[in-house]
Amino acid sequence: MIRGLGTVVVFVAFIGLTLWVFNSKRSAQFAEARLLPFADEPLAEDASTQEPATRSTRP
């Protein structure tokens, strides 16, 4: 009985989370959050004059 109730609670939480994530009202917030990993990178003024950050060691 307890396992069945636990399954129902987890299923309801999954459905609620799915509806929250795919809600069209939140698309702007998620679009902004999607760019957060790049927020601390400096903007490149001229990419052609800068050397790449890493170089290949292969010939």
N, C-alpha and C. Protein backbone atom coordinates (compact mmCIF):
# COMPACT_ATOMS: atom_id res chain seq x y z
N MET A 1 0.83 -1.19 0.00
CA MET A 1 0.00 0.00 0.00
C MET A 1 0.88 1.27 0.00
N ILE A 2 1.93 1.27 0.82
CA ILE A 2 2.79 2.45 0.91
C ILE A 2 3.58 2.63 -0.39
N ARG A 3 4.03 1.53 -0.98
CA ARG A 3 4.76 1.62 -2.24
C ARG A 3 3.87 2.17 -3.35
N GLY A 4 2.63 1.78 -3.37
CA GLY A 4 1.69 2.29 -4.37
C GLY A 4 1.46 3.78 -4.21
N LEU A 5 1.32 4.24 -2.97
CA LEU A 5 1.14 5.68 -2.73
C LEU A 5 2.39 6.45 -3.12
N GLY A 6 3.55 5.88 -2.83
CA GLY A 6 4.80 6.53 -3.23
C GLY A 6 4.91 6.65 -4.73
N THR A 7 4.49 5.63 -5.44
CA THR A 7 4.51 5.66 -6.90
C THR A 7 3.58 6.73 -7.44
N VAL A 8 2.41 6.85 -6.85
CA VAL A 8 1.45 7.87 -7.28
C VAL A 8 1.99 9.26 -7.01
N VAL A 9 2.62 9.47 -5.87
CA VAL A 9 3.18 10.79 -5.53
C VAL A 9 4.28 11.16 -6.52
N VAL A 10 5.17 10.23 -6.82
CA VAL A 10 6.25 10.50 -7.76
C VAL A 10 5.69 10.76 -9.16
N PHE A 11 4.67 10.00 -9.55
CA PHE A 11 4.06 10.20 -10.87
C PHE A 11 3.41 11.58 -10.97
N VAL A 12 2.70 12.00 -9.95
CA VAL A 12 2.08 13.32 -9.95
C VAL A 12 3.14 14.42 -9.99
N ALA A 13 4.24 14.23 -9.26
CA ALA A 13 5.33 15.21 -9.28
C ALA A 13 5.96 15.27 -10.67
N PHE A 14 6.12 14.13 -11.31
CA PHE A 14 6.68 14.09 -12.67
C PHE A 14 5.77 14.83 -13.65
N ILE A 15 4.49 14.59 -13.59
CA ILE A 15 3.55 15.27 -14.48
C ILE A 15 3.56 16.78 -14.22
N GLY A 16 3.58 17.17 -12.95
CA GLY A 16 3.63 18.60 -12.62
C GLY A 16 4.89 19.26 -13.12
N LEU A 17 6.03 18.61 -12.95
CA LEU A 17 7.29 19.16 -13.43
C LEU A 17 7.31 19.25 -14.95
N THR A 18 6.78 18.26 -15.61
CA THR A 18 6.72 18.27 -17.07
C THR A 18 5.85 19.43 -17.57
N LEU A 19 4.71 19.64 -16.95
CA LEU A 19 3.85 20.75 -17.36
C LEU A 19 4.52 22.10 -17.08
N TRP A 20 5.26 22.20 -15.98
CA TRP A 20 5.94 23.44 -15.64
C TRP A 20 7.05 23.75 -16.65
N VAL A 21 7.81 22.73 -17.03
CA VAL A 21 8.93 22.94 -17.95
C VAL A 21 8.43 23.32 -19.35
N PHE A 22 7.40 22.67 -19.83
CA PHE A 22 6.93 22.91 -21.19
C PHE A 22 5.84 23.97 -21.27
N ASN A 23 5.66 24.75 -20.22
CA ASN A 23 4.70 25.85 -20.22
C ASN A 23 5.25 26.97 -21.10
N SER A 24 4.46 27.46 -22.03
CA SER A 24 4.95 28.48 -22.97
C SER A 24 5.19 29.83 -22.30
N LYS A 25 4.62 30.07 -21.14
CA LYS A 25 4.84 31.34 -20.44
C LYS A 25 6.26 31.45 -19.91
N ARG A 26 6.94 30.35 -19.72
CA ARG A 26 8.28 30.36 -19.15
C ARG A 26 9.39 30.29 -20.19
N SER A 27 9.07 30.32 -21.45
CA SER A 27 10.10 30.15 -22.49
C SER A 27 11.12 31.29 -22.46
N ALA A 28 10.71 32.51 -22.15
CA ALA A 28 11.66 33.62 -22.08
C ALA A 28 12.63 33.43 -20.92
N GLN A 29 12.14 32.96 -19.78
CA GLN A 29 13.01 32.73 -18.62
C GLN A 29 14.00 31.61 -18.91
N PHE A 30 13.56 30.57 -19.56
CA PHE A 30 14.45 29.46 -19.87
C PHE A 30 15.46 29.86 -20.95
N ALA A 31 15.07 30.72 -21.88
CA ALA A 31 16.00 31.19 -22.91
C ALA A 31 17.12 32.00 -22.26
N GLU A 32 16.78 32.81 -21.28
CA GLU A 32 17.79 33.58 -20.56
C GLU A 32 18.69 32.66 -19.73
N ALA A 33 18.11 31.68 -19.07
CA ALA A 33 18.88 30.75 -18.25
C ALA A 33 19.80 29.89 -19.11
N ARG A 34 19.40 29.63 -20.34
CA ARG A 34 20.20 28.80 -21.24
C ARG A 34 21.53 29.47 -21.56
N LEU A 35 21.59 30.81 -21.50
CA LEU A 35 22.81 31.54 -21.83
C LEU A 35 23.68 31.84 -20.62
N LEU A 36 23.27 31.46 -19.42
CA LEU A 36 24.04 31.75 -18.22
C LEU A 36 25.46 31.17 -18.22
N PRO A 37 25.73 30.00 -18.76
CA PRO A 37 27.12 29.51 -18.76
C PRO A 37 28.08 30.41 -19.53
N PHE A 38 27.57 31.21 -20.44
CA PHE A 38 28.41 32.08 -21.25
C PHE A 38 28.46 33.51 -20.72
N ALA A 39 27.85 33.79 -19.60
CA ALA A 39 27.74 35.15 -19.09
C ALA A 39 29.08 35.72 -18.65
N ASP A 40 30.00 34.90 -18.18
CA ASP A 40 31.27 35.41 -17.68
C ASP A 40 32.36 35.48 -18.74
N GLU A 41 32.09 35.08 -19.95
CA GLU A 41 33.08 35.14 -21.01
C GLU A 41 33.14 36.55 -21.59
N PRO A 42 34.36 37.06 -21.80
CA PRO A 42 34.47 38.41 -22.39
C PRO A 42 34.04 38.39 -23.86
N LEU A 43 33.53 39.50 -24.30
CA LEU A 43 33.12 39.61 -25.69
C LEU A 43 34.34 39.84 -26.57
N ALA A 44 34.43 39.12 -27.66
CA ALA A 44 35.54 39.27 -28.58
C ALA A 44 35.25 40.43 -29.53
N GLU A 45 36.15 41.42 -29.54
CA GLU A 45 35.94 42.57 -30.43
C GLU A 45 36.27 42.20 -31.87
N ASP A 46 37.39 41.51 -32.06
CA ASP A 46 37.77 41.10 -33.40
C ASP A 46 38.35 39.70 -33.29
N ALA A 47 37.60 38.72 -33.72
CA ALA A 47 38.01 37.32 -33.57
C ALA A 47 39.16 36.97 -34.49
N SER A 48 39.36 37.70 -35.56
CA SER A 48 40.42 37.35 -36.52
C SER A 48 41.80 37.68 -35.99
N THR A 49 41.93 38.64 -35.06
CA THR A 49 43.24 39.03 -34.56
C THR A 49 43.66 38.20 -33.34
N GLN A 50 42.75 37.50 -32.74
CA GLN A 50 43.07 36.71 -31.56
C GLN A 50 43.47 35.29 -31.96
N GLU A 51 44.42 34.74 -31.21
CA GLU A 51 44.79 33.36 -31.44
C GLU A 51 43.79 32.46 -30.75
N PRO A 52 43.62 31.24 -31.24
CA PRO A 52 42.69 30.32 -30.58
C PRO A 52 43.18 29.99 -29.17
N ALA A 53 42.25 29.67 -28.29
CA ALA A 53 42.59 29.37 -26.90
C ALA A 53 43.37 28.08 -26.80
N THR A 54 43.10 27.12 -27.64
CA THR A 54 43.81 25.85 -27.63
C THR A 54 44.31 25.54 -29.03
N ARG A 55 45.38 24.79 -29.06
CA ARG A 55 45.94 24.40 -30.35
C ARG A 55 46.01 22.88 -30.40
N SER A 56 45.85 22.36 -31.54
CA SER A 56 45.94 20.92 -31.72
C SER A 56 47.40 20.49 -31.72
N THR A 57 47.71 19.35 -31.10
CA THR A 57 49.06 18.83 -31.09
C THR A 57 49.28 17.84 -32.23
N ARG A 58 48.26 17.60 -33.00
CA ARG A 58 48.38 16.66 -34.11
C ARG A 58 49.02 17.37 -35.31
N PRO A 59 49.83 16.62 -36.06
CA PRO A 59 50.47 17.24 -37.25
C PRO A 59 49.49 17.47 -38.37
